Amino acid sequence: MNIRTQVLLWGAQRISAMVLALCVVVHLVTIIYAVRNGLSAAEILGRTRGNVAWASFYVLFVAAVAVHAPIGLRAILSETLGWRGRSPDIAVLVFGVLLALWGWRAVYAVFVA
């Protein structure tokens, strides 16, 4: 892998980490608020269903995960298993696409359901 690609992956990993940090904090604060106020699952879904702001937030959250996790997994596969070449790149790309699709499917289900 050339230096430019490594720099781009490094940058994507760091930027997605920053987005994830913010998203995790917002997500945890929301969970704590819901639990402390005794909201049921039905009440939570009632507040999130059709809410474009929450859907957008979770679409961003899923996108950050779909970028961050495969890059980290690629490094782990390379360092621990010595897996190099194009095949680990393809495997983690497929993994990232699947993460995005599964996550966005969940967001859609909560937004529409």
PDB file of N, CA and C in Angstrom:
ATOM      1  N   MET A   1       0.852  -1.172   0.000  1.00  0.00           N
ATOM      2  CA  MET A   1       0.000   0.000   0.000  1.00  0.00           C
ATOM      3  C   MET A   1       0.899   1.236   0.000  1.00  0.00           C
ATOM      4  N   ASN A   2       0.538   2.195  -0.832  1.00  0.00           N
ATOM      5  CA  ASN A   2       1.390   3.385  -0.925  1.00  0.00           C
ATOM      6  C   ASN A   2       1.135   4.342   0.235  1.00  0.00           C
ATOM      7  N   ILE A   3       2.031   5.287   0.383  1.00  0.00           N
ATOM      8  CA  ILE A   3       1.989   6.234   1.503  1.00  0.00           C
ATOM      9  C   ILE A   3       0.718   7.079   1.465  1.00  0.00           C
ATOM     10  N   ARG A   4       0.315   7.511   0.283  1.00  0.00           N
ATOM     11  CA  ARG A   4      -0.882   8.362   0.166  1.00  0.00           C
ATOM     12  C   ARG A   4      -2.112   7.635   0.703  1.00  0.00           C
ATOM     13  N   THR A   5      -2.273   6.376   0.344  1.00  0.00           N
ATOM     14  CA  THR A   5      -3.406   5.582   0.816  1.00  0.00           C
ATOM     15  C   THR A   5      -3.356   5.418   2.323  1.00  0.00           C
ATOM     16  N   GLN A   6      -2.164   5.175   2.864  1.00  0.00           N
ATOM     17  CA  GLN A   6      -2.017   5.036   4.314  1.00  0.00           C
ATOM     18  C   GLN A   6      -2.396   6.326   5.030  1.00  0.00           C
ATOM     19  N   VAL A   7      -1.989   7.455   4.468  1.00  0.00           N
ATOM     20  CA  VAL A   7      -2.329   8.756   5.074  1.00  0.00           C
ATOM     21  C   VAL A   7      -3.839   8.985   5.022  1.00  0.00           C
ATOM     22  N   LEU A   8      -4.468   8.645   3.897  1.00  0.00           N
ATOM     23  CA  LEU A   8      -5.918   8.808   3.774  1.00  0.00           C
ATOM     24  C   LEU A   8      -6.656   7.919   4.772  1.00  0.00           C
ATOM     25  N   LEU A   9      -6.206   6.671   4.924  1.00  0.00           N
ATOM     26  CA  LEU A   9      -6.835   5.777   5.899  1.00  0.00           C
ATOM     27  C   LEU A   9      -6.631   6.282   7.321  1.00  0.00           C
ATOM     28  N   TRP A  10      -5.442   6.773   7.614  1.00  0.00           N
ATOM     29  CA  TRP A  10      -5.153   7.321   8.937  1.00  0.00           C
ATOM     30  C   TRP A  10      -6.101   8.497   9.228  1.00  0.00           C
ATOM     31  N   GLY A  11      -6.238   9.393   8.258  1.00  0.00           N
ATOM     32  CA  GLY A  11      -7.125  10.545   8.424  1.00  0.00           C
ATOM     33  C   GLY A  11      -8.579  10.134   8.589  1.00  0.00           C
ATOM     34  N   ALA A  12      -9.033   9.179   7.786  1.00  0.00           N
ATOM     35  CA  ALA A  12     -10.420   8.699   7.895  1.00  0.00           C
ATOM     36  C   ALA A  12     -10.657   8.056   9.250  1.00  0.00           C
ATOM     37  N   GLN A  13      -9.666   7.320   9.738  1.00  0.00           N
ATOM     38  CA  GLN A  13      -9.784   6.664  11.048  1.00  0.00           C
ATOM     39  C   GLN A  13      -9.920   7.720  12.152  1.00  0.00           C
ATOM     40  N   ARG A  14      -9.110   8.763  12.083  1.00  0.00           N
ATOM     41  CA  ARG A  14      -9.143   9.797  13.124  1.00  0.00           C
ATOM     42  C   ARG A  14     -10.414  10.632  13.067  1.00  0.00           C
ATOM     43  N   ILE A  15     -10.828  11.002  11.873  1.00  0.00           N
ATOM     44  CA  ILE A  15     -12.052  11.802  11.738  1.00  0.00           C
ATOM     45  C   ILE A  15     -13.266  10.992  12.184  1.00  0.00           C
ATOM     46  N   SER A  16     -13.332   9.733  11.770  1.00  0.00           N
ATOM     47  CA  SER A  16     -14.467   8.901  12.188  1.00  0.00           C
ATOM     48  C   SER A  16     -14.442   8.674  13.695  1.00  0.00           C
ATOM     49  N   ALA A  17     -13.261   8.631  14.296  1.00  0.00           N
ATOM     50  CA  ALA A  17     -13.163   8.488  15.756  1.00  0.00           C
ATOM     51  C   ALA A  17     -13.735   9.718  16.454  1.00  0.00           C
ATOM     52  N   MET A  18     -13.475  10.891  15.912  1.00  0.00           N
ATOM     53  CA  MET A  18     -14.020  12.117  16.500  1.00  0.00           C
ATOM     54  C   MET A  18     -15.547  12.140  16.408  1.00  0.00           C
ATOM     55  N   VAL A  19     -16.073  11.758  15.257  1.00  0.00           N
ATOM     56  CA  VAL A  19     -17.527  11.706  15.083  1.00  0.00           C
ATOM     57  C   VAL A  19     -18.129  10.671  16.034  1.00  0.00           C
ATOM     58  N   LEU A  20     -17.486   9.500  16.119  1.00  0.00           N
ATOM     59  CA  LEU A  20     -17.975   8.444  17.011  1.00  0.00           C
ATOM     60  C   LEU A  20     -17.974   8.883  18.468  1.00  0.00           C
ATOM     61  N   ALA A  21     -16.936   9.585  18.880  1.00  0.00           N
ATOM     62  CA  ALA A  21     -16.874  10.042  20.273  1.00  0.00           C
ATOM     63  C   ALA A  21     -18.076  10.919  20.604  1.00  0.00           C
ATOM     64  N   LEU A  22     -18.384  11.854  19.725  1.00  0.00           N
ATOM     65  CA  LEU A  22     -19.538  12.723  19.941  1.00  0.00           C
ATOM     66  C   LEU A  22     -20.844  11.923  19.912  1.00  0.00           C
ATOM     67  N   CYS A  23     -20.978  11.025  18.937  1.00  0.00           N
ATOM     68  CA  CYS A  23     -22.200  10.226  18.811  1.00  0.00           C
ATOM     69  C   CYS A  23     -22.417   9.321  20.018  1.00  0.00           C
ATOM     70  N   VAL A  24     -21.354   8.706  20.506  1.00  0.00           N
ATOM     71  CA  VAL A  24     -21.487   7.826  21.671  1.00  0.00           C
ATOM     72  C   VAL A  24     -21.941   8.621  22.890  1.00  0.00           C
ATOM     73  N   VAL A  25     -21.384   9.799  23.087  1.00  0.00           N
ATOM     74  CA  VAL A  25     -21.790  10.634  24.228  1.00  0.00           C
ATOM     75  C   VAL A  25     -23.271  10.998  24.118  1.00  0.00           C
ATOM     76  N   VAL A  26     -23.703  11.462  22.948  1.00  0.00           N
ATOM     77  CA  VAL A  26     -25.112  11.824  22.760  1.00  0.00           C
ATOM     78  C   VAL A  26     -26.008  10.602  22.972  1.00  0.00           C
ATOM     79  N   HIS A  27     -25.608   9.465  22.425  1.00  0.00           N
ATOM     80  CA  HIS A  27     -26.387   8.236  22.564  1.00  0.00           C
ATOM     81  C   HIS A  27     -26.515   7.823  24.033  1.00  0.00           C
ATOM     82  N   LEU A  28     -25.408   7.842  24.774  1.00  0.00           N
ATOM     83  CA  LEU A  28     -25.435   7.447  26.191  1.00  0.00           C
ATOM     84  C   LEU A  28     -26.244   8.421  27.041  1.00  0.00           C
ATOM     85  N   VAL A  29     -26.103   9.711  26.778  1.00  0.00           N
ATOM     86  CA  VAL A  29     -26.895  10.712  27.512  1.00  0.00           C
ATOM     87  C   VAL A  29     -28.382  10.490  27.248  1.00  0.00           C
ATOM     88  N   THR A  30     -28.720  10.177  26.009  1.00  0.00           N
ATOM     89  CA  THR A  30     -30.117   9.909  25.656  1.00  0.00           C
ATOM     90  C   THR A  30     -30.639   8.668  26.381  1.00  0.00           C
ATOM     91  N   ILE A  31     -29.839   7.624  26.437  1.00  0.00           N
ATOM     92  CA  ILE A  31     -30.239   6.402  27.141  1.00  0.00           C
ATOM     93  C   ILE A  31     -30.440   6.683  28.622  1.00  0.00           C
ATOM     94  N   ILE A  32     -29.502   7.400  29.223  1.00  0.00           N
ATOM     95  CA  ILE A  32     -29.615   7.724  30.654  1.00  0.00           C
ATOM     96  C   ILE A  32     -30.863   8.554  30.911  1.00  0.00           C
ATOM     97  N   TYR A  33     -31.136   9.526  30.059  1.00  0.00           N
ATOM     98  CA  TYR A  33     -32.343  10.341  30.196  1.00  0.00           C
ATOM     99  C   TYR A  33     -33.593   9.470  30.129  1.00  0.00           C
ATOM    100  N   ALA A  34     -33.636   8.582  29.154  1.00  0.00           N
ATOM    101  CA  ALA A  34     -34.810   7.717  28.968  1.00  0.00           C
ATOM    102  C   ALA A  34     -35.010   6.807  30.167  1.00  0.00           C
ATOM    103  N   VAL A  35     -33.943   6.223  30.670  1.00  0.00           N
ATOM    104  CA  VAL A  35     -34.052   5.305  31.813  1.00  0.00           C
ATOM    105  C   VAL A  35     -34.462   6.049  33.073  1.00  0.00           C
ATOM    106  N   ARG A  36     -33.844   7.179  33.327  1.00  0.00           N
ATOM    107  CA  ARG A  36     -34.159   7.947  34.542  1.00  0.00           C
ATOM    108  C   ARG A  36     -35.582   8.488  34.538  1.00  0.00           C
ATOM    109  N   ASN A  37     -36.121   8.727  33.360  1.00  0.00           N
ATOM    110  CA  ASN A  37     -37.484   9.238  33.280  1.00  0.00           C
ATOM    111  C   ASN A  37     -38.502   8.123  33.067  1.00  0.00           C
ATOM    112  N   GLY A  38     -38.054   6.888  33.156  1.00  0.00           N
ATOM    113  CA  GLY A  38     -38.956   5.749  33.083  1.00  0.00           C
ATOM    114  C   GLY A  38     -39.662   5.564  31.760  1.00  0.00           C
ATOM    115  N   LEU A  39     -39.029   5.982  30.680  1.00  0.00           N
ATOM    116  CA  LEU A  39     -39.671   5.830  29.375  1.00  0.00           C
ATOM    117  C   LEU A  39     -39.669   4.368  28.948  1.00  0.00           C
ATOM    118  N   SER A  40     -40.779   3.919  28.418  1.00  0.00           N
ATOM    119  CA  SER A  40     -40.873   2.551  27.893  1.00  0.00           C
ATOM    120  C   SER A  40     -40.344   2.534  26.465  1.00  0.00           C
ATOM    121  N   ALA A  41     -40.135   1.351  25.942  1.00  0.00           N
ATOM    122  CA  ALA A  41     -39.684   1.215  24.556  1.00  0.00           C
ATOM    123  C   ALA A  41     -40.697   1.848  23.598  1.00  0.00           C
ATOM    124  N   ALA A  42     -41.974   1.650  23.894  1.00  0.00           N
ATOM    125  CA  ALA A  42     -43.019   2.233  23.042  1.00  0.00           C
ATOM    126  C   ALA A  42     -42.962   3.764  23.071  1.00  0.00           C
ATOM    127  N   GLU A  43     -42.716   4.344  24.244  1.00  0.00           N
ATOM    128  CA  GLU A  43     -42.618   5.802  24.346  1.00  0.00           C
ATOM    129  C   GLU A  43     -41.386   6.325  23.598  1.00  0.00           C
ATOM    130  N   ILE A  44     -40.287   5.590  23.696  1.00  0.00           N
ATOM    131  CA  ILE A  44     -39.071   6.002  22.992  1.00  0.00           C
ATOM    132  C   ILE A  44     -39.297   5.946  21.490  1.00  0.00           C
ATOM    133  N   LEU A  45     -39.883   4.847  21.009  1.00  0.00           N
ATOM    134  CA  LEU A  45     -40.179   4.744  19.576  1.00  0.00           C
ATOM    135  C   LEU A  45     -41.164   5.818  19.143  1.00  0.00           C
ATOM    136  N   GLY A  46     -42.105   6.157  20.004  1.00  0.00           N
ATOM    137  CA  GLY A  46     -43.054   7.214  19.692  1.00  0.00           C
ATOM    138  C   GLY A  46     -42.370   8.554  19.488  1.00  0.00           C
ATOM    139  N   ARG A  47     -41.291   8.785  20.221  1.00  0.00           N
ATOM    140  CA  ARG A  47     -40.556  10.043  20.093  1.00  0.00           C
ATOM    141  C   ARG A  47     -39.584  10.034  18.909  1.00  0.00           C
ATOM    142  N   THR A  48     -39.103   8.864  18.523  1.00  0.00           N
ATOM    143  CA  THR A  48     -38.118   8.804  17.435  1.00  0.00           C
ATOM    144  C   THR A  48     -38.755   8.565  16.072  1.00  0.00           C
ATOM    145  N   ARG A  49     -39.914   7.936  16.044  1.00  0.00           N
ATOM    146  CA  ARG A  49     -40.573   7.625  14.774  1.00  0.00           C
ATOM    147  C   ARG A  49     -40.869   8.911  14.007  1.00  0.00           C
ATOM    148  N   GLY A  50     -40.382   8.968  12.789  1.00  0.00           N
ATOM    149  CA  GLY A  50     -40.648  10.118  11.933  1.00  0.00           C
ATOM    150  C   GLY A  50     -39.816  11.347  12.251  1.00  0.00           C
ATOM    151  N   ASN A  51     -38.919  11.258  13.247  1.00  0.00           N
ATOM    152  CA  ASN A  51     -38.102  12.399  13.632  1.00  0.00           C
ATOM    153  C   ASN A  51     -36.853  12.445  12.747  1.00  0.00           C
ATOM    154  N   VAL A  52     -36.816  13.412  11.844  1.00  0.00           N
ATOM    155  CA  VAL A  52     -35.723  13.522  10.886  1.00  0.00           C
ATOM    156  C   VAL A  52     -34.397  13.810  11.591  1.00  0.00           C
ATOM    157  N   ALA A  53     -34.414  14.585  12.649  1.00  0.00           N
ATOM    158  CA  ALA A  53     -33.174  14.910  13.367  1.00  0.00           C
ATOM    159  C   ALA A  53     -32.542  13.649  13.960  1.00  0.00           C
ATOM    160  N   TRP A  54     -33.340  12.811  14.630  1.00  0.00           N
ATOM    161  CA  TRP A  54     -32.791  11.580  15.202  1.00  0.00           C
ATOM    162  C   TRP A  54     -32.358  10.609  14.115  1.00  0.00           C
ATOM    163  N   ALA A  55     -33.130  10.517  13.054  1.00  0.00           N
ATOM    164  CA  ALA A  55     -32.746   9.634  11.953  1.00  0.00           C
ATOM    165  C   ALA A  55     -31.419  10.092  11.345  1.00  0.00           C
ATOM    166  N   SER A  56     -31.272  11.383  11.146  1.00  0.00           N
ATOM    167  CA  SER A  56     -30.024  11.919  10.586  1.00  0.00           C
ATOM    168  C   SER A  56     -28.843  11.656  11.516  1.00  0.00           C
ATOM    169  N   PHE A  57     -29.067  11.849  12.814  1.00  0.00           N
ATOM    170  CA  PHE A  57     -28.016  11.576  13.795  1.00  0.00           C
ATOM    171  C   PHE A  57     -27.563  10.128  13.710  1.00  0.00           C
ATOM    172  N   TYR A  58     -28.507   9.191  13.684  1.00  0.00           N
ATOM    173  CA  TYR A  58     -28.140   7.783  13.656  1.00  0.00           C
ATOM    174  C   TYR A  58     -27.582   7.337  12.301  1.00  0.00           C
ATOM    175  N   VAL A  59     -27.983   7.988  11.213  1.00  0.00           N
ATOM    176  CA  VAL A  59     -27.361   7.717   9.908  1.00  0.00           C
ATOM    177  C   VAL A  59     -25.884   8.121   9.960  1.00  0.00           C
ATOM    178  N   LEU A  60     -25.595   9.272  10.568  1.00  0.00           N
ATOM    179  CA  LEU A  60     -24.207   9.712  10.732  1.00  0.00           C
ATOM    180  C   LEU A  60     -23.435   8.755  11.638  1.00  0.00           C
ATOM    181  N   PHE A  61     -24.052   8.323  12.721  1.00  0.00           N
ATOM    182  CA  PHE A  61     -23.438   7.382  13.661  1.00  0.00           C
ATOM    183  C   PHE A  61     -23.053   6.093  12.923  1.00  0.00           C
ATOM    184  N   VAL A  62     -23.981   5.547  12.168  1.00  0.00           N
ATOM    185  CA  VAL A  62     -23.723   4.311  11.421  1.00  0.00           C
ATOM    186  C   VAL A  62     -22.612   4.529  10.389  1.00  0.00           C
ATOM    187  N   ALA A  63     -22.627   5.654   9.699  1.00  0.00           N
ATOM    188  CA  ALA A  63     -21.590   5.935   8.704  1.00  0.00           C
ATOM    189  C   ALA A  63     -20.212   5.985   9.361  1.00  0.00           C
ATOM    190  N   ALA A  64     -20.123   6.612  10.528  1.00  0.00           N
ATOM    191  CA  ALA A  64     -18.840   6.685  11.233  1.00  0.00           C
ATOM    192  C   ALA A  64     -18.356   5.300  11.639  1.00  0.00           C
ATOM    193  N   VAL A  65     -19.262   4.456  12.106  1.00  0.00           N
ATOM    194  CA  VAL A  65     -18.899   3.079  12.470  1.00  0.00           C
ATOM    195  C   VAL A  65     -18.436   2.313  11.232  1.00  0.00           C
ATOM    196  N   ALA A  66     -19.151   2.489  10.129  1.00  0.00           N
ATOM    197  CA  ALA A  66     -18.837   1.757   8.896  1.00  0.00           C
ATOM    198  C   ALA A  66     -17.495   2.175   8.299  1.00  0.00           C
ATOM    199  N   VAL A  67     -17.025   3.361   8.622  1.00  0.00           N
ATOM    200  CA  VAL A  67     -15.695   3.792   8.185  1.00  0.00           C
ATOM    201  C   VAL A  67     -14.638   3.351   9.191  1.00  0.00           C
ATOM    202  N   HIS A  68     -14.902   3.595  10.461  1.00  0.00           N
ATOM    203  CA  HIS A  68     -13.913   3.372  11.521  1.00  0.00           C
ATOM    204  C   HIS A  68     -13.575   1.900  11.743  1.00  0.00           C
ATOM    205  N   ALA A  69     -14.571   1.075  11.890  1.00  0.00           N
ATOM    206  CA  ALA A  69     -14.349  -0.337  12.243  1.00  0.00           C
ATOM    207  C   ALA A  69     -13.543  -1.105  11.191  1.00  0.00           C
ATOM    208  N   PRO A  70     -13.855  -1.000   9.908  1.00  0.00           N
ATOM    209  CA  PRO A  70     -13.067  -1.754   8.923  1.00  0.00           C
ATOM    210  C   PRO A  70     -11.591  -1.335   8.860  1.00  0.00           C
ATOM    211  N   ILE A  71     -11.327  -0.050   9.045  1.00  0.00           N
ATOM    212  CA  ILE A  71      -9.934   0.399   9.011  1.00  0.00           C
ATOM    213  C   ILE A  71      -9.174  -0.200  10.192  1.00  0.00           C
ATOM    214  N   GLY A  72      -9.789  -0.189  11.361  1.00  0.00           N
ATOM    215  CA  GLY A  72      -9.158  -0.805  12.527  1.00  0.00           C
ATOM    216  C   GLY A  72      -9.004  -2.303  12.365  1.00  0.00           C
ATOM    217  N   LEU A  73     -10.020  -2.952  11.824  1.00  0.00           N
ATOM    218  CA  LEU A  73      -9.960  -4.397  11.593  1.00  0.00           C
ATOM    219  C   LEU A  73      -8.854  -4.744  10.607  1.00  0.00           C
ATOM    220  N   ARG A  74      -8.688  -3.930   9.597  1.00  0.00           N
ATOM    221  CA  ARG A  74      -7.619  -4.144   8.613  1.00  0.00           C
ATOM    222  C   ARG A  74      -6.256  -4.111   9.285  1.00  0.00           C
ATOM    223  N   ALA A  75      -6.051  -3.140  10.174  1.00  0.00           N
ATOM    224  CA  ALA A  75      -4.780  -3.051  10.894  1.00  0.00           C
ATOM    225  C   ALA A  75      -4.567  -4.276  11.784  1.00  0.00           C
ATOM    226  N   ILE A  76      -5.620  -4.713  12.463  1.00  0.00           N
ATOM    227  CA  ILE A  76      -5.518  -5.893  13.333  1.00  0.00           C
ATOM    228  C   ILE A  76      -5.179  -7.133  12.515  1.00  0.00           C
ATOM    229  N   LEU A  77      -5.863  -7.321  11.389  1.00  0.00           N
ATOM    230  CA  LEU A  77      -5.600  -8.481  10.539  1.00  0.00           C
ATOM    231  C   LEU A  77      -4.166  -8.475  10.020  1.00  0.00           C
ATOM    232  N   SER A  78      -3.687  -7.304   9.675  1.00  0.00           N
ATOM    233  CA  SER A  78      -2.335  -7.183   9.154  1.00  0.00           C
ATOM    234  C   SER A  78      -1.285  -7.436  10.241  1.00  0.00           C
ATOM    235  N   GLU A  79      -1.493  -6.861  11.414  1.00  0.00           N
ATOM    236  CA  GLU A  79      -0.502  -6.962  12.486  1.00  0.00           C
ATOM    237  C   GLU A  79      -0.506  -8.316  13.178  1.00  0.00           C
ATOM    238  N   THR A  80      -1.668  -8.891  13.428  1.00  0.00           N
ATOM    239  CA  THR A  80      -1.719 -10.137  14.202  1.00  0.00           C
ATOM    240  C   THR A  80      -1.659 -11.390  13.334  1.00  0.00           C
ATOM    241  N   LEU A  81      -2.270 -11.332  12.163  1.00  0.00           N
ATOM    242  CA  LEU A  81      -2.291 -12.513  11.307  1.00  0.00           C
ATOM    243  C   LEU A  81      -1.305 -12.429  10.146  1.00  0.00           C
ATOM    244  N   GLY A  82      -0.730 -11.250   9.959  1.00  0.00           N
ATOM    245  CA  GLY A  82       0.175 -11.074   8.833  1.00  0.00           C
ATOM    246  C   GLY A  82      -0.527 -11.128   7.491  1.00  0.00           C
ATOM    247  N   TRP A  83      -1.837 -10.894   7.495  1.00  0.00           N
ATOM    248  CA  TRP A  83      -2.641 -10.949   6.264  1.00  0.00           C
ATOM    249  C   TRP A  83      -2.409  -9.666   5.474  1.00  0.00           C
ATOM    250  N   ARG A  84      -1.787  -9.774   4.335  1.00  0.00           N
ATOM    251  CA  ARG A  84      -1.450  -8.608   3.523  1.00  0.00           C
ATOM    252  C   ARG A  84      -1.903  -8.825   2.084  1.00  0.00           C
ATOM    253  N   GLY A  85      -1.843  -7.770   1.316  1.00  0.00           N
ATOM    254  CA  GLY A  85      -2.242  -7.845  -0.088  1.00  0.00           C
ATOM    255  C   GLY A  85      -3.624  -7.251  -0.283  1.00  0.00           C
ATOM    256  N   ARG A  86      -4.248  -7.602  -1.393  1.00  0.00           N
ATOM    257  CA  ARG A  86      -5.567  -7.052  -1.731  1.00  0.00           C
ATOM    258  C   ARG A  86      -6.710  -7.756  -1.006  1.00  0.00           C
ATOM    259  N   SER A  87      -6.542  -9.032  -0.674  1.00  0.00           N
ATOM    260  CA  SER A  87      -7.649  -9.791  -0.089  1.00  0.00           C
ATOM    261  C   SER A  87      -8.136  -9.227   1.251  1.00  0.00           C
ATOM    262  N   PRO A  88      -7.265  -8.786   2.177  1.00  0.00           N
ATOM    263  CA  PRO A  88      -7.813  -8.186   3.405  1.00  0.00           C
ATOM    264  C   PRO A  88      -8.517  -6.859   3.129  1.00  0.00           C
ATOM    265  N   ASP A  89      -8.026  -6.120   2.131  1.00  0.00           N
ATOM    266  CA  ASP A  89      -8.682  -4.857   1.770  1.00  0.00           C
ATOM    267  C   ASP A  89     -10.102  -5.113   1.280  1.00  0.00           C
ATOM    268  N   ILE A  90     -10.250  -6.126   0.452  1.00  0.00           N
ATOM    269  CA  ILE A  90     -11.574  -6.479  -0.070  1.00  0.00           C
ATOM    270  C   ILE A  90     -12.467  -6.993   1.054  1.00  0.00           C
ATOM    271  N   ALA A  91     -11.914  -7.826   1.936  1.00  0.00           N
ATOM    272  CA  ALA A  91     -12.700  -8.381   3.045  1.00  0.00           C
ATOM    273  C   ALA A  91     -13.216  -7.279   3.975  1.00  0.00           C
ATOM    274  N   VAL A  92     -12.355  -6.319   4.331  1.00  0.00           N
ATOM    275  CA  VAL A  92     -12.817  -5.267   5.241  1.00  0.00           C
ATOM    276  C   VAL A  92     -13.730  -4.274   4.527  1.00  0.00           C
ATOM    277  N   LEU A  93     -13.569  -4.114   3.220  1.00  0.00           N
ATOM    278  CA  LEU A  93     -14.501  -3.274   2.459  1.00  0.00           C
ATOM    279  C   LEU A  93     -15.894  -3.891   2.483  1.00  0.00           C
ATOM    280  N   VAL A  94     -15.966  -5.192   2.253  1.00  0.00           N
ATOM    281  CA  VAL A  94     -17.258  -5.895   2.312  1.00  0.00           C
ATOM    282  C   VAL A  94     -17.844  -5.776   3.722  1.00  0.00           C
ATOM    283  N   PHE A  95     -17.007  -5.955   4.743  1.00  0.00           N
ATOM    284  CA  PHE A  95     -17.453  -5.824   6.127  1.00  0.00           C
ATOM    285  C   PHE A  95     -18.019  -4.425   6.393  1.00  0.00           C
ATOM    286  N   GLY A  96     -17.336  -3.394   5.912  1.00  0.00           N
ATOM    287  CA  GLY A  96     -17.805  -2.017   6.104  1.00  0.00           C
ATOM    288  C   GLY A  96     -19.126  -1.746   5.411  1.00  0.00           C
ATOM    289  N   VAL A  97     -19.260  -2.251   4.202  1.00  0.00           N
ATOM    290  CA  VAL A  97     -20.519  -2.077   3.459  1.00  0.00           C
ATOM    291  C   VAL A  97     -21.662  -2.789   4.190  1.00  0.00           C
ATOM    292  N   LEU A  98     -21.398  -4.002   4.674  1.00  0.00           N
ATOM    293  CA  LEU A  98     -22.428  -4.733   5.419  1.00  0.00           C
ATOM    294  C   LEU A  98     -22.805  -4.003   6.710  1.00  0.00           C
ATOM    295  N   LEU A  99     -21.818  -3.477   7.426  1.00  0.00           N
ATOM    296  CA  LEU A  99     -22.120  -2.696   8.636  1.00  0.00           C
ATOM    297  C   LEU A  99     -23.027  -1.520   8.296  1.00  0.00           C
ATOM    298  N   ALA A 100     -22.695  -0.814   7.234  1.00  0.00           N
ATOM    299  CA  ALA A 100     -23.502   0.343   6.834  1.00  0.00           C
ATOM    300  C   ALA A 100     -24.921  -0.075   6.478  1.00  0.00           C
ATOM    301  N   LEU A 101     -25.054  -1.122   5.690  1.00  0.00           N
ATOM    302  CA  LEU A 101     -26.392  -1.560   5.279  1.00  0.00           C
ATOM    303  C   LEU A 101     -27.226  -2.026   6.463  1.00  0.00           C
ATOM    304  N   TRP A 102     -26.634  -2.834   7.344  1.00  0.00           N
ATOM    305  CA  TRP A 102     -27.370  -3.309   8.521  1.00  0.00           C
ATOM    306  C   TRP A 102     -27.750  -2.147   9.440  1.00  0.00           C
ATOM    307  N   GLY A 103     -26.824  -1.229   9.638  1.00  0.00           N
ATOM    308  CA  GLY A 103     -27.105  -0.079  10.510  1.00  0.00           C
ATOM    309  C   GLY A 103     -28.170   0.829   9.940  1.00  0.00           C
ATOM    310  N   TRP A 104     -28.063   1.118   8.654  1.00  0.00           N
ATOM    311  CA  TRP A 104     -29.063   1.987   8.029  1.00  0.00           C
ATOM    312  C   TRP A 104     -30.421   1.317   7.952  1.00  0.00           C
ATOM    313  N   ARG A 105     -30.429   0.013   7.844  1.00  0.00           N
ATOM    314  CA  ARG A 105     -31.705  -0.727   7.880  1.00  0.00           C
ATOM    315  C   ARG A 105     -32.363  -0.555   9.253  1.00  0.00           C
ATOM    316  N   ALA A 106     -31.563  -0.624  10.307  1.00  0.00           N
ATOM    317  CA  ALA A 106     -32.092  -0.427  11.659  1.00  0.00           C
ATOM    318  C   ALA A 106     -32.615   0.989  11.846  1.00  0.00           C
ATOM    319  N   VAL A 107     -31.867   1.964  11.343  1.00  0.00           N
ATOM    320  CA  VAL A 107     -32.325   3.355  11.438  1.00  0.00           C
ATOM    321  C   VAL A 107     -33.635   3.532  10.695  1.00  0.00           C
ATOM    322  N   TYR A 108     -33.727   2.969   9.519  1.00  0.00           N
ATOM    323  CA  TYR A 108     -34.960   3.050   8.734  1.00  0.00           C
ATOM    324  C   TYR A 108     -36.123   2.410   9.486  1.00  0.00           C
ATOM    325  N   ALA A 109     -35.872   1.264  10.087  1.00  0.00           N
ATOM    326  CA  ALA A 109     -36.940   0.556  10.818  1.00  0.00           C
ATOM    327  C   ALA A 109     -37.451   1.397  11.978  1.00  0.00           C
ATOM    328  N   VAL A 110     -36.566   2.087  12.674  1.00  0.00           N
ATOM    329  CA  VAL A 110     -36.987   2.909  13.812  1.00  0.00           C
ATOM    330  C   VAL A 110     -37.664   4.181  13.311  1.00  0.00           C
ATOM    331  N   PHE A 111     -37.152   4.750  12.233  1.00  0.00           N
ATOM    332  CA  PHE A 111     -37.706   5.994  11.701  1.00  0.00           C
ATOM    333  C   PHE A 111     -39.102   5.786  11.125  1.00  0.00           C
ATOM    334  N   VAL A 112     -39.315   4.673  10.446  1.00  0.00           N
ATOM    335  CA  VAL A 112     -40.586   4.422   9.762  1.00  0.00           C
ATOM    336  C   VAL A 112     -41.547   3.612  10.631  1.00  0.00           C
ATOM    337  N   ALA A 113     -41.014   2.645  11.378  1.00  0.00           N
ATOM    338  CA  ALA A 113     -41.872   1.687  12.104  1.00  0.00           C
ATOM    339  C   ALA A 113     -42.815   2.322  13.071  1.00  0.00           C
TER     340      ALA A 113
END
